[in-house]
Amino acid sequence: MPHNTFCHIEFDSTDLARSQRFFEGLFGWTFRAFGEKMVVFGLGDQHLGGLQKADNVAPGRSPSVWIEVASLDPMVTKAVGSGGSLERGREEVPGVGWSAVVKDPDGNFVGLVEFSRQEG
């Protein structure tokens, strides 16, 4: 997947099983567990996103979008320098890579992810 493109959309869900049934019935997405509080979904071999377990879902907080970047830290700096703000700094996502969340000037959340690259 090229850098600077959407790579993941994430919906909050108070009931993961119910949400899975809804999206599977609507779009035919398939699901697999990803840790204790998340399931990821896709269509065929294509990864699309995830459902994140939440105690409640506040309007305007879901879904969140994630954009793949070549190098996380410079993009966070660029986002803040372009009028955005940092919501959540660099965090490791085991088996995936590194992520951070910034806000655009209007307060919209934008997730940034730098995927780990396997040698071989």
PDB file of N, CA and C in Angstrom:
ATOM      1  N   MET A   1       0.854  -1.174   0.000  1.00  0.00           N
ATOM      2  CA  MET A   1       0.000   0.000   0.000  1.00  0.00           C
ATOM      3  C   MET A   1       0.898   1.235   0.000  1.00  0.00           C
ATOM      4  N   PRO A   2       0.581   2.216  -0.807  1.00  0.00           N
ATOM      5  CA  PRO A   2       1.409   3.425  -0.833  1.00  0.00           C
ATOM      6  C   PRO A   2       1.244   4.236   0.451  1.00  0.00           C
ATOM      7  N   HIS A   3       2.283   4.986   0.778  1.00  0.00           N
ATOM      8  CA  HIS A   3       2.214   5.851   1.958  1.00  0.00           C
ATOM      9  C   HIS A   3       1.255   7.010   1.706  1.00  0.00           C
ATOM     10  N   ASN A   4       0.796   7.619   2.784  1.00  0.00           N
ATOM     11  CA  ASN A   4      -0.116   8.766   2.759  1.00  0.00           C
ATOM     12  C   ASN A   4      -1.481   8.415   2.183  1.00  0.00           C
ATOM     13  N   THR A   5      -1.899   7.150   2.366  1.00  0.00           N
ATOM     14  CA  THR A   5      -3.228   6.703   1.946  1.00  0.00           C
ATOM     15  C   THR A   5      -3.935   6.078   3.148  1.00  0.00           C
ATOM     16  N   PHE A   6      -5.260   6.006   3.082  1.00  0.00           N
ATOM     17  CA  PHE A   6      -6.029   5.366   4.142  1.00  0.00           C
ATOM     18  C   PHE A   6      -5.657   3.891   4.209  1.00  0.00           C
ATOM     19  N   CYS A   7      -5.458   3.394   5.433  1.00  0.00           N
ATOM     20  CA  CYS A   7      -5.090   1.992   5.600  1.00  0.00           C
ATOM     21  C   CYS A   7      -5.966   1.289   6.630  1.00  0.00           C
ATOM     22  N   HIS A   8      -6.796   2.033   7.372  1.00  0.00           N
ATOM     23  CA  HIS A   8      -7.572   1.417   8.451  1.00  0.00           C
ATOM     24  C   HIS A   8      -8.651   2.397   8.894  1.00  0.00           C
ATOM     25  N   ILE A   9      -9.867   1.892   9.068  1.00  0.00           N
ATOM     26  CA  ILE A   9     -10.936   2.679   9.680  1.00  0.00           C
ATOM     27  C   ILE A   9     -11.388   1.907  10.907  1.00  0.00           C
ATOM     28  N   GLU A  10     -11.691   2.623  11.973  1.00  0.00           N
ATOM     29  CA  GLU A  10     -11.994   1.955  13.230  1.00  0.00           C
ATOM     30  C   GLU A  10     -13.286   2.500  13.823  1.00  0.00           C
ATOM     31  N   PHE A  11     -14.207   1.580  14.121  1.00  0.00           N
ATOM     32  CA  PHE A  11     -15.489   1.923  14.727  1.00  0.00           C
ATOM     33  C   PHE A  11     -15.473   1.527  16.196  1.00  0.00           C
ATOM     34  N   ASP A  12     -15.946   2.405  17.081  1.00  0.00           N
ATOM     35  CA  ASP A  12     -16.172   2.032  18.473  1.00  0.00           C
ATOM     36  C   ASP A  12     -17.429   1.181  18.530  1.00  0.00           C
ATOM     37  N   SER A  13     -17.468   0.236  19.474  1.00  0.00           N
ATOM     38  CA  SER A  13     -18.623  -0.644  19.607  1.00  0.00           C
ATOM     39  C   SER A  13     -18.820  -1.019  21.069  1.00  0.00           C
ATOM     40  N   THR A  14     -20.056  -0.895  21.546  1.00  0.00           N
ATOM     41  CA  THR A  14     -20.362  -1.338  22.903  1.00  0.00           C
ATOM     42  C   THR A  14     -20.632  -2.834  22.945  1.00  0.00           C
ATOM     43  N   ASP A  15     -20.865  -3.453  21.787  1.00  0.00           N
ATOM     44  CA  ASP A  15     -21.152  -4.888  21.692  1.00  0.00           C
ATOM     45  C   ASP A  15     -20.505  -5.414  20.409  1.00  0.00           C
ATOM     46  N   LEU A  16     -19.302  -5.976  20.541  1.00  0.00           N
ATOM     47  CA  LEU A  16     -18.554  -6.413  19.361  1.00  0.00           C
ATOM     48  C   LEU A  16     -19.309  -7.454  18.541  1.00  0.00           C
ATOM     49  N   ALA A  17     -19.957  -8.419  19.199  1.00  0.00           N
ATOM     50  CA  ALA A  17     -20.681  -9.464  18.466  1.00  0.00           C
ATOM     51  C   ALA A  17     -21.823  -8.862  17.646  1.00  0.00           C
ATOM     52  N   ARG A  18     -22.558  -7.945  18.239  1.00  0.00           N
ATOM     53  CA  ARG A  18     -23.664  -7.296  17.525  1.00  0.00           C
ATOM     54  C   ARG A  18     -23.147  -6.505  16.327  1.00  0.00           C
ATOM     55  N   SER A  19     -22.068  -5.761  16.526  1.00  0.00           N
ATOM     56  CA  SER A  19     -21.498  -4.980  15.425  1.00  0.00           C
ATOM     57  C   SER A  19     -20.974  -5.882  14.319  1.00  0.00           C
ATOM     58  N   GLN A  20     -20.332  -6.992  14.703  1.00  0.00           N
ATOM     59  CA  GLN A  20     -19.859  -7.939  13.698  1.00  0.00           C
ATOM     60  C   GLN A  20     -21.024  -8.455  12.855  1.00  0.00           C
ATOM     61  N   ARG A  21     -22.106  -8.857  13.495  1.00  0.00           N
ATOM     62  CA  ARG A  21     -23.275  -9.361  12.753  1.00  0.00           C
ATOM     63  C   ARG A  21     -23.810  -8.301  11.795  1.00  0.00           C
ATOM     64  N   PHE A  22     -23.870  -7.064  12.259  1.00  0.00           N
ATOM     65  CA  PHE A  22     -24.378  -5.980  11.426  1.00  0.00           C
ATOM     66  C   PHE A  22     -23.525  -5.810  10.174  1.00  0.00           C
ATOM     67  N   PHE A  23     -22.218  -5.634  10.343  1.00  0.00           N
ATOM     68  CA  PHE A  23     -21.344  -5.372   9.198  1.00  0.00           C
ATOM     69  C   PHE A  23     -21.163  -6.598   8.308  1.00  0.00           C
ATOM     70  N   GLU A  24     -21.143  -7.781   8.909  1.00  0.00           N
ATOM     71  CA  GLU A  24     -21.042  -8.994   8.101  1.00  0.00           C
ATOM     72  C   GLU A  24     -22.285  -9.148   7.226  1.00  0.00           C
ATOM     73  N   GLY A  25     -23.459  -8.919   7.816  1.00  0.00           N
ATOM     74  CA  GLY A  25     -24.693  -9.019   7.050  1.00  0.00           C
ATOM     75  C   GLY A  25     -24.826  -7.938   5.993  1.00  0.00           C
ATOM     76  N   LEU A  26     -24.358  -6.742   6.295  1.00  0.00           N
ATOM     77  CA  LEU A  26     -24.484  -5.617   5.380  1.00  0.00           C
ATOM     78  C   LEU A  26     -23.475  -5.673   4.242  1.00  0.00           C
ATOM     79  N   PHE A  27     -22.211  -5.933   4.562  1.00  0.00           N
ATOM     80  CA  PHE A  27     -21.141  -5.846   3.565  1.00  0.00           C
ATOM     81  C   PHE A  27     -20.434  -7.165   3.263  1.00  0.00           C
ATOM     82  N   GLY A  28     -20.686  -8.208   4.059  1.00  0.00           N
ATOM     83  CA  GLY A  28     -19.988  -9.469   3.854  1.00  0.00           C
ATOM     84  C   GLY A  28     -18.565  -9.468   4.394  1.00  0.00           C
ATOM     85  N   TRP A  29     -18.245  -8.530   5.294  1.00  0.00           N
ATOM     86  CA  TRP A  29     -16.906  -8.470   5.870  1.00  0.00           C
ATOM     87  C   TRP A  29     -16.669  -9.692   6.749  1.00  0.00           C
ATOM     88  N   THR A  30     -15.428 -10.148   6.821  1.00  0.00           N
ATOM     89  CA  THR A  30     -15.046 -11.234   7.717  1.00  0.00           C
ATOM     90  C   THR A  30     -14.211 -10.649   8.851  1.00  0.00           C
ATOM     91  N   PHE A  31     -14.273 -11.307  10.007  1.00  0.00           N
ATOM     92  CA  PHE A  31     -13.663 -10.773  11.225  1.00  0.00           C
ATOM     93  C   PHE A  31     -12.712 -11.771  11.859  1.00  0.00           C
ATOM     94  N   ARG A  32     -11.701 -11.233  12.583  1.00  0.00           N
ATOM     95  CA  ARG A  32     -10.833 -12.062  13.420  1.00  0.00           C
ATOM     96  C   ARG A  32     -10.428 -11.236  14.636  1.00  0.00           C
ATOM     97  N   ALA A  33     -10.218 -11.940  15.738  1.00  0.00           N
ATOM     98  CA  ALA A  33      -9.830 -11.274  16.984  1.00  0.00           C
ATOM     99  C   ALA A  33      -8.456 -10.636  16.835  1.00  0.00           C
ATOM    100  N   PHE A  34      -8.281  -9.494  17.487  1.00  0.00           N
ATOM    101  CA  PHE A  34      -6.996  -8.801  17.541  1.00  0.00           C
ATOM    102  C   PHE A  34      -6.855  -8.279  18.959  1.00  0.00           C
ATOM    103  N   GLY A  35      -6.349  -9.105  19.842  1.00  0.00           N
ATOM    104  CA  GLY A  35      -6.282  -8.750  21.252  1.00  0.00           C
ATOM    105  C   GLY A  35      -7.622  -8.994  21.925  1.00  0.00           C
ATOM    106  N   GLU A  36      -7.750  -8.488  23.137  1.00  0.00           N
ATOM    107  CA  GLU A  36      -8.956  -8.732  23.925  1.00  0.00           C
ATOM    108  C   GLU A  36     -10.090  -7.760  23.644  1.00  0.00           C
ATOM    109  N   LYS A  37      -9.783  -6.576  23.138  1.00  0.00           N
ATOM    110  CA  LYS A  37     -10.808  -5.545  23.001  1.00  0.00           C
ATOM    111  C   LYS A  37     -10.997  -5.077  21.571  1.00  0.00           C
ATOM    112  N   MET A  38     -10.554  -5.893  20.614  1.00  0.00           N
ATOM    113  CA  MET A  38     -10.676  -5.472  19.223  1.00  0.00           C
ATOM    114  C   MET A  38     -10.829  -6.679  18.313  1.00  0.00           C
ATOM    115  N   VAL A  39     -11.600  -6.486  17.266  1.00  0.00           N
ATOM    116  CA  VAL A  39     -11.629  -7.423  16.147  1.00  0.00           C
ATOM    117  C   VAL A  39     -11.317  -6.610  14.902  1.00  0.00           C
ATOM    118  N   VAL A  40     -10.603  -7.229  13.974  1.00  0.00           N
ATOM    119  CA  VAL A  40     -10.307  -6.560  12.712  1.00  0.00           C
ATOM    120  C   VAL A  40     -11.134  -7.213  11.626  1.00  0.00           C
ATOM    121  N   PHE A  41     -11.408  -6.459  10.573  1.00  0.00           N
ATOM    122  CA  PHE A  41     -12.248  -6.986   9.506  1.00  0.00           C
ATOM    123  C   PHE A  41     -11.648  -6.687   8.152  1.00  0.00           C
ATOM    124  N   GLY A  42     -12.122  -7.460   7.182  1.00  0.00           N
ATOM    125  CA  GLY A  42     -11.663  -7.270   5.821  1.00  0.00           C
ATOM    126  C   GLY A  42     -12.634  -7.897   4.849  1.00  0.00           C
ATOM    127  N   LEU A  43     -12.258  -7.824   3.604  1.00  0.00           N
ATOM    128  CA  LEU A  43     -13.040  -8.406   2.523  1.00  0.00           C
ATOM    129  C   LEU A  43     -12.061  -9.218   1.692  1.00  0.00           C
ATOM    130  N   GLY A  44     -12.211 -10.538   1.717  1.00  0.00           N
ATOM    131  CA  GLY A  44     -11.219 -11.390   1.080  1.00  0.00           C
ATOM    132  C   GLY A  44      -9.903 -11.231   1.819  1.00  0.00           C
ATOM    133  N   ASP A  45      -8.826 -10.988   1.082  1.00  0.00           N
ATOM    134  CA  ASP A  45      -7.502 -10.799   1.685  1.00  0.00           C
ATOM    135  C   ASP A  45      -7.213  -9.341   2.027  1.00  0.00           C
ATOM    136  N   GLN A  46      -8.138  -8.437   1.750  1.00  0.00           N
ATOM    137  CA  GLN A  46      -7.898  -7.009   1.956  1.00  0.00           C
ATOM    138  C   GLN A  46      -8.315  -6.579   3.363  1.00  0.00           C
ATOM    139  N   HIS A  47      -7.364  -6.042   4.119  1.00  0.00           N
ATOM    140  CA  HIS A  47      -7.660  -5.487   5.443  1.00  0.00           C
ATOM    141  C   HIS A  47      -8.386  -4.156   5.262  1.00  0.00           C
ATOM    142  N   LEU A  48      -9.460  -3.961   6.030  1.00  0.00           N
ATOM    143  CA  LEU A  48     -10.217  -2.712   5.956  1.00  0.00           C
ATOM    144  C   LEU A  48     -10.178  -1.914   7.249  1.00  0.00           C
ATOM    145  N   GLY A  49     -10.307  -2.587   8.398  1.00  0.00           N
ATOM    146  CA  GLY A  49     -10.368  -1.829   9.635  1.00  0.00           C
ATOM    147  C   GLY A  49     -10.617  -2.687  10.847  1.00  0.00           C
ATOM    148  N   GLY A  50     -11.214  -2.071  11.882  1.00  0.00           N
ATOM    149  CA  GLY A  50     -11.447  -2.786  13.122  1.00  0.00           C
ATOM    150  C   GLY A  50     -12.634  -2.248  13.892  1.00  0.00           C
ATOM    151  N   LEU A  51     -13.093  -3.066  14.822  1.00  0.00           N
ATOM    152  CA  LEU A  51     -14.100  -2.679  15.803  1.00  0.00           C
ATOM    153  C   LEU A  51     -13.405  -2.673  17.152  1.00  0.00           C
ATOM    154  N   GLN A  52     -13.466  -1.549  17.850  1.00  0.00           N
ATOM    155  CA  GLN A  52     -12.804  -1.380  19.141  1.00  0.00           C
ATOM    156  C   GLN A  52     -13.856  -1.379  20.236  1.00  0.00           C
ATOM    157  N   LYS A  53     -13.710  -2.243  21.248  1.00  0.00           N
ATOM    158  CA  LYS A  53     -14.646  -2.306  22.363  1.00  0.00           C
ATOM    159  C   LYS A  53     -14.607  -0.998  23.145  1.00  0.00           C
ATOM    160  N   ALA A  54     -15.792  -0.426  23.382  1.00  0.00           N
ATOM    161  CA  ALA A  54     -15.915   0.827  24.127  1.00  0.00           C
ATOM    162  C   ALA A  54     -17.055   0.703  25.129  1.00  0.00           C
ATOM    163  N   ASP A  55     -16.910   1.339  26.282  1.00  0.00           N
ATOM    164  CA  ASP A  55     -17.986   1.332  27.276  1.00  0.00           C
ATOM    165  C   ASP A  55     -19.199   2.104  26.780  1.00  0.00           C
ATOM    166  N   ASN A  56     -18.948   3.177  26.035  1.00  0.00           N
ATOM    167  CA  ASN A  56     -20.030   3.929  25.405  1.00  0.00           C
ATOM    168  C   ASN A  56     -19.472   4.541  24.127  1.00  0.00           C
ATOM    169  N   VAL A  57     -20.365   4.904  23.254  1.00  0.00           N
ATOM    170  CA  VAL A  57     -19.958   5.505  21.986  1.00  0.00           C
ATOM    171  C   VAL A  57     -20.515   6.918  21.942  1.00  0.00           C
ATOM    172  N   ALA A  58     -19.614   7.879  21.986  1.00  0.00           N
ATOM    173  CA  ALA A  58     -20.011   9.285  21.964  1.00  0.00           C
ATOM    174  C   ALA A  58     -20.130   9.766  20.525  1.00  0.00           C
ATOM    175  N   PRO A  59     -21.203  10.483  20.204  1.00  0.00           N
ATOM    176  CA  PRO A  59     -21.337  11.018  18.849  1.00  0.00           C
ATOM    177  C   PRO A  59     -20.121  11.855  18.462  1.00  0.00           C
ATOM    178  N   GLY A  60     -19.666  11.682  17.241  1.00  0.00           N
ATOM    179  CA  GLY A  60     -18.544  12.445  16.729  1.00  0.00           C
ATOM    180  C   GLY A  60     -17.178  11.865  17.041  1.00  0.00           C
ATOM    181  N   ARG A  61     -17.111  10.769  17.774  1.00  0.00           N
ATOM    182  CA  ARG A  61     -15.823  10.165  18.135  1.00  0.00           C
ATOM    183  C   ARG A  61     -15.517   8.914  17.312  1.00  0.00           C
ATOM    184  N   SER A  62     -16.439   8.452  16.527  1.00  0.00           N
ATOM    185  CA  SER A  62     -16.243   7.224  15.773  1.00  0.00           C
ATOM    186  C   SER A  62     -16.970   7.382  14.451  1.00  0.00           C
ATOM    187  N   PRO A  63     -16.468   6.902  13.351  1.00  0.00           N
ATOM    188  CA  PRO A  63     -15.251   6.105  13.246  1.00  0.00           C
ATOM    189  C   PRO A  63     -14.010   6.979  13.228  1.00  0.00           C
ATOM    190  N   SER A  64     -12.872   6.338  13.414  1.00  0.00           N
ATOM    191  CA  SER A  64     -11.596   7.034  13.270  1.00  0.00           C
ATOM    192  C   SER A  64     -10.894   6.492  12.035  1.00  0.00           C
ATOM    193  N   VAL A  65     -10.125   7.339  11.411  1.00  0.00           N
ATOM    194  CA  VAL A  65      -9.411   6.931  10.203  1.00  0.00           C
ATOM    195  C   VAL A  65      -7.919   6.881  10.503  1.00  0.00           C
ATOM    196  N   TRP A  66      -7.249   5.994   9.811  1.00  0.00           N
ATOM    197  CA  TRP A  66      -5.812   5.807   9.981  1.00  0.00           C
ATOM    198  C   TRP A  66      -5.149   5.905   8.628  1.00  0.00           C
ATOM    199  N   ILE A  67      -4.048   6.633   8.579  1.00  0.00           N
ATOM    200  CA  ILE A  67      -3.320   6.849   7.338  1.00  0.00           C
ATOM    201  C   ILE A  67      -1.906   6.310   7.516  1.00  0.00           C
ATOM    202  N   GLU A  68      -1.485   5.473   6.563  1.00  0.00           N
ATOM    203  CA  GLU A  68      -0.131   4.925   6.600  1.00  0.00           C
ATOM    204  C   GLU A  68       0.862   5.995   6.185  1.00  0.00           C
ATOM    205  N   VAL A  69       1.923   6.134   6.975  1.00  0.00           N
ATOM    206  CA  VAL A  69       2.986   7.092   6.659  1.00  0.00           C
ATOM    207  C   VAL A  69       4.321   6.355   6.618  1.00  0.00           C
ATOM    208  N   ALA A  70       5.266   6.916   5.876  1.00  0.00           N
ATOM    209  CA  ALA A  70       6.585   6.292   5.755  1.00  0.00           C
ATOM    210  C   ALA A  70       7.365   6.397   7.059  1.00  0.00           C
ATOM    211  N   SER A  71       7.252   7.544   7.735  1.00  0.00           N
ATOM    212  CA  SER A  71       7.998   7.788   8.967  1.00  0.00           C
ATOM    213  C   SER A  71       7.120   8.609   9.908  1.00  0.00           C
ATOM    214  N   LEU A  72       6.787   8.037  11.049  1.00  0.00           N
ATOM    215  CA  LEU A  72       5.789   8.612  11.948  1.00  0.00           C
ATOM    216  C   LEU A  72       6.200   9.964  12.542  1.00  0.00           C
ATOM    217  N   ASP A  73       7.362  10.035  13.144  1.00  0.00           N
ATOM    218  CA  ASP A  73       7.742  11.243  13.884  1.00  0.00           C
ATOM    219  C   ASP A  73       7.747  12.511  13.029  1.00  0.00           C
ATOM    220  N   PRO A  74       8.326  12.487  11.818  1.00  0.00           N
ATOM    221  CA  PRO A  74       8.277  13.703  10.999  1.00  0.00           C
ATOM    222  C   PRO A  74       6.854  14.118  10.614  1.00  0.00           C
ATOM    223  N   MET A  75       5.965  13.134  10.438  1.00  0.00           N
ATOM    224  CA  MET A  75       4.585  13.468  10.072  1.00  0.00           C
ATOM    225  C   MET A  75       3.838  14.088  11.250  1.00  0.00           C
ATOM    226  N   VAL A  76       4.115  13.624  12.469  1.00  0.00           N
ATOM    227  CA  VAL A  76       3.507  14.237  13.655  1.00  0.00           C
ATOM    228  C   VAL A  76       3.971  15.690  13.764  1.00  0.00           C
ATOM    229  N   THR A  77       5.257  15.909  13.598  1.00  0.00           N
ATOM    230  CA  THR A  77       5.811  17.269  13.642  1.00  0.00           C
ATOM    231  C   THR A  77       5.182  18.142  12.564  1.00  0.00           C
ATOM    232  N   LYS A  78       5.028  17.589  11.372  1.00  0.00           N
ATOM    233  CA  LYS A  78       4.431  18.331  10.256  1.00  0.00           C
ATOM    234  C   LYS A  78       2.970  18.673  10.549  1.00  0.00           C
ATOM    235  N   ALA A  79       2.220  17.737  11.131  1.00  0.00           N
ATOM    236  CA  ALA A  79       0.811  17.980  11.457  1.00  0.00           C
ATOM    237  C   ALA A  79       0.677  19.128  12.450  1.00  0.00           C
ATOM    238  N   VAL A  80       1.491  19.110  13.496  1.00  0.00           N
ATOM    239  CA  VAL A  80       1.441  20.170  14.506  1.00  0.00           C
ATOM    240  C   VAL A  80       1.878  21.500  13.896  1.00  0.00           C
ATOM    241  N   GLY A  81       2.905  21.474  13.060  1.00  0.00           N
ATOM    242  CA  GLY A  81       3.384  22.687  12.407  1.00  0.00           C
ATOM    243  C   GLY A  81       2.429  23.252  11.380  1.00  0.00           C
ATOM    244  N   SER A  82       1.483  22.424  10.929  1.00  0.00           N
ATOM    245  CA  SER A  82       0.502  22.863   9.931  1.00  0.00           C
ATOM    246  C   SER A  82      -0.798  23.326  10.566  1.00  0.00           C
ATOM    247  N   GLY A  83      -0.817  23.487  11.891  1.00  0.00           N
ATOM    248  CA  GLY A  83      -2.010  23.988  12.562  1.00  0.00           C
ATOM    249  C   GLY A  83      -2.792  22.938  13.312  1.00  0.00           C
ATOM    250  N   GLY A  84      -2.340  21.695  13.286  1.00  0.00           N
ATOM    251  CA  GLY A  84      -2.999  20.633  14.033  1.00  0.00           C
ATOM    252  C   GLY A  84      -2.448  20.555  15.447  1.00  0.00           C
ATOM    253  N   SER A  85      -2.861  19.521  16.173  1.00  0.00           N
ATOM    254  CA  SER A  85      -2.353  19.319  17.527  1.00  0.00           C
ATOM    255  C   SER A  85      -2.170  17.829  17.776  1.00  0.00           C
ATOM    256  N   LEU A  86      -1.362  17.525  18.763  1.00  0.00           N
ATOM    257  CA  LEU A  86      -1.092  16.140  19.123  1.00  0.00           C
ATOM    258  C   LEU A  86      -2.131  15.674  20.132  1.00  0.00           C
ATOM    259  N   GLU A  87      -2.816  14.595  19.822  1.00  0.00           N
ATOM    260  CA  GLU A  87      -3.787  14.001  20.737  1.00  0.00           C
ATOM    261  C   GLU A  87      -3.146  12.871  21.539  1.00  0.00           C
ATOM    262  N   ARG A  88      -2.408  11.994  20.872  1.00  0.00           N
ATOM    263  CA  ARG A  88      -1.748  10.858  21.520  1.00  0.00           C
ATOM    264  C   ARG A  88      -0.421  10.627  20.831  1.00  0.00           C
ATOM    265  N   GLY A  89       0.650  10.678  21.590  1.00  0.00           N
ATOM    266  CA  GLY A  89       1.989  10.524  21.026  1.00  0.00           C
ATOM    267  C   GLY A  89       2.297   9.107  20.576  1.00  0.00           C
ATOM    268  N   ARG A  90       3.489   8.949  20.082  1.00  0.00           N
ATOM    269  CA  ARG A  90       3.977   7.690  19.526  1.00  0.00           C
ATOM    270  C   ARG A  90       3.782   6.532  20.510  1.00  0.00           C
ATOM    271  N   GLU A  91       3.137   5.468  20.026  1.00  0.00           N
ATOM    272  CA  GLU A  91       2.938   4.252  20.816  1.00  0.00           C
ATOM    273  C   GLU A  91       3.222   3.054  19.935  1.00  0.00           C
ATOM    274  N   GLU A  92       3.810   2.024  20.529  1.00  0.00           N
ATOM    275  CA  GLU A  92       4.024   0.784  19.790  1.00  0.00           C
ATOM    276  C   GLU A  92       2.719   0.006  19.722  1.00  0.00           C
ATOM    277  N   VAL A  93       2.424  -0.553  18.560  1.00  0.00           N
ATOM    278  CA  VAL A  93       1.298  -1.455  18.368  1.00  0.00           C
ATOM    279  C   VAL A  93       1.922  -2.815  18.053  1.00  0.00           C
ATOM    280  N   PRO A  94       1.953  -3.735  19.031  1.00  0.00           N
ATOM    281  CA  PRO A  94       2.648  -5.001  18.830  1.00  0.00           C
ATOM    282  C   PRO A  94       2.192  -5.737  17.567  1.00  0.00           C
ATOM    283  N   GLY A  95       3.162  -6.170  16.795  1.00  0.00           N
ATOM    284  CA  GLY A  95       2.885  -6.903  15.568  1.00  0.00           C
ATOM    285  C   GLY A  95       2.472  -6.031  14.403  1.00  0.00           C
ATOM    286  N   VAL A  96       2.374  -4.729  14.628  1.00  0.00           N
ATOM    287  CA  VAL A  96       1.926  -3.809  13.576  1.00  0.00           C
ATOM    288  C   VAL A  96       2.999  -2.771  13.272  1.00  0.00           C
ATOM    289  N   GLY A  97       3.417  -2.033  14.290  1.00  0.00           N
ATOM    290  CA  GLY A  97       4.381  -0.949  14.091  1.00  0.00           C
ATOM    291  C   GLY A  97       4.198   0.110  15.154  1.00  0.00           C
ATOM    292  N   TRP A  98       4.115   1.375  14.729  1.00  0.00           N
ATOM    293  CA  TRP A  98       3.989   2.515  15.633  1.00  0.00           C
ATOM    294  C   TRP A  98       2.826   3.390  15.192  1.00  0.00           C
ATOM    295  N   SER A  99       2.153   4.009  16.170  1.00  0.00           N
ATOM    296  CA  SER A  99       1.035   4.882  15.821  1.00  0.00           C
ATOM    297  C   SER A  99       1.044   6.135  16.678  1.00  0.00           C
ATOM    298  N   ALA A 100       0.335   7.142  16.200  1.00  0.00           N
ATOM    299  CA  ALA A 100       0.089   8.385  16.931  1.00  0.00           C
ATOM    300  C   ALA A 100      -1.235   8.940  16.419  1.00  0.00           C
ATOM    301  N   VAL A 101      -1.845   9.807  17.203  1.00  0.00           N
ATOM    302  CA  VAL A 101      -3.095  10.441  16.787  1.00  0.00           C
ATOM    303  C   VAL A 101      -2.916  11.949  16.871  1.00  0.00           C
ATOM    304  N   VAL A 102      -3.264  12.628  15.787  1.00  0.00           N
ATOM    305  CA  VAL A 102      -3.235  14.085  15.745  1.00  0.00           C
ATOM    306  C   VAL A 102      -4.655  14.587  15.503  1.00  0.00           C
ATOM    307  N   LYS A 103      -4.861  15.874  15.736  1.00  0.00           N
ATOM    308  CA  LYS A 103      -6.139  16.511  15.408  1.00  0.00           C
ATOM    309  C   LYS A 103      -5.876  17.563  14.348  1.00  0.00           C
ATOM    310  N   ASP A 104      -6.793  17.658  13.394  1.00  0.00           N
ATOM    311  CA  ASP A 104      -6.689  18.728  12.409  1.00  0.00           C
ATOM    312  C   ASP A 104      -7.135  20.033  13.068  1.00  0.00           C
ATOM    313  N   PRO A 105      -7.038  21.181  12.385  1.00  0.00           N
ATOM    314  CA  PRO A 105      -7.408  22.454  13.014  1.00  0.00           C
ATOM    315  C   PRO A 105      -8.852  22.524  13.505  1.00  0.00           C
ATOM    316  N   ASP A 106      -9.748  21.678  12.963  1.00  0.00           N
ATOM    317  CA  ASP A 106     -11.138  21.657  13.417  1.00  0.00           C
ATOM    318  C   ASP A 106     -11.377  20.656  14.534  1.00  0.00           C
ATOM    319  N   GLY A 107     -10.339  19.942  14.952  1.00  0.00           N
ATOM    320  CA  GLY A 107     -10.482  18.980  16.039  1.00  0.00           C
ATOM    321  C   GLY A 107     -10.792  17.565  15.605  1.00  0.00           C
ATOM    322  N   ASN A 108     -10.788  17.287  14.294  1.00  0.00           N
ATOM    323  CA  ASN A 108     -11.015  15.922  13.818  1.00  0.00           C
ATOM    324  C   ASN A 108      -9.780  15.071  14.080  1.00  0.00           C
ATOM    325  N   PHE A 109      -9.998  13.857  14.559  1.00  0.00           N
ATOM    326  CA  PHE A 109      -8.905  12.944  14.851  1.00  0.00           C
ATOM    327  C   PHE A 109      -8.410  12.290  13.570  1.00  0.00           C
ATOM    328  N   VAL A 110      -7.095  12.192  13.437  1.00  0.00           N
ATOM    329  CA  VAL A 110      -6.468  11.501  12.311  1.00  0.00           C
ATOM    330  C   VAL A 110      -5.376  10.605  12.889  1.00  0.00           C
ATOM    331  N   GLY A 111      -5.538   9.292  12.701  1.00  0.00           N
ATOM    332  CA  GLY A 111      -4.532   8.352  13.160  1.00  0.00           C
ATOM    333  C   GLY A 111      -3.438   8.197  12.117  1.00  0.00           C
ATOM    334  N   LEU A 112      -2.208   8.144  12.579  1.00  0.00           N
ATOM    335  CA  LEU A 112      -1.060   7.932  11.702  1.00  0.00           C
ATOM    336  C   LEU A 112      -0.401   6.626  12.121  1.00  0.00           C
ATOM    337  N   VAL A 113      -0.023   5.804  11.156  1.00  0.00           N
ATOM    338  CA  VAL A 113       0.616   4.530  11.472  1.00  0.00           C
ATOM    339  C   VAL A 113       1.821   4.303  10.571  1.00  0.00           C
ATOM    340  N   GLU A 114       2.912   3.906  11.195  1.00  0.00           N
ATOM    341  CA  GLU A 114       4.120   3.492  10.488  1.00  0.00           C
ATOM    342  C   GLU A 114       4.237   1.987  10.702  1.00  0.00           C
ATOM    343  N   PHE A 115       4.016   1.219   9.644  1.00  0.00           N
ATOM    344  CA  PHE A 115       4.052  -0.233   9.758  1.00  0.00           C
ATOM    345  C   PHE A 115       5.478  -0.736   9.884  1.00  0.00           C
ATOM    346  N   SER A 116       5.654  -1.782  10.688  1.00  0.00           N
ATOM    347  CA  SER A 116       6.940  -2.476  10.749  1.00  0.00           C
ATOM    348  C   SER A 116       7.117  -3.211   9.438  1.00  0.00           C
ATOM    349  N   ARG A 117       8.311  -3.256   8.961  1.00  0.00           N
ATOM    350  CA  ARG A 117       8.597  -3.980   7.725  1.00  0.00           C
ATOM    351  C   ARG A 117       9.432  -5.196   8.076  1.00  0.00           C
ATOM    352  N   GLN A 118       8.955  -6.353   7.674  1.00  0.00           N
ATOM    353  CA  GLN A 118       9.679  -7.588   7.929  1.00  0.00           C
ATOM    354  C   GLN A 118      10.763  -7.777   6.886  1.00  0.00           C
ATOM    355  N   GLU A 119      11.944  -8.117   7.326  1.00  0.00           N
ATOM    356  CA  GLU A 119      13.031  -8.415   6.396  1.00  0.00           C
ATOM    357  C   GLU A 119      12.799  -9.801   5.818  1.00  0.00           C
ATOM    358  N   GLY A 120      13.189  -9.975   4.579  1.00  0.00           N
ATOM    359  CA  GLY A 120      13.060 -11.322   4.036  1.00  0.00           C
ATOM    360  C   GLY A 120      12.560 -11.298   2.728  1.00  0.00           C
TER     361      GLY A 120
END
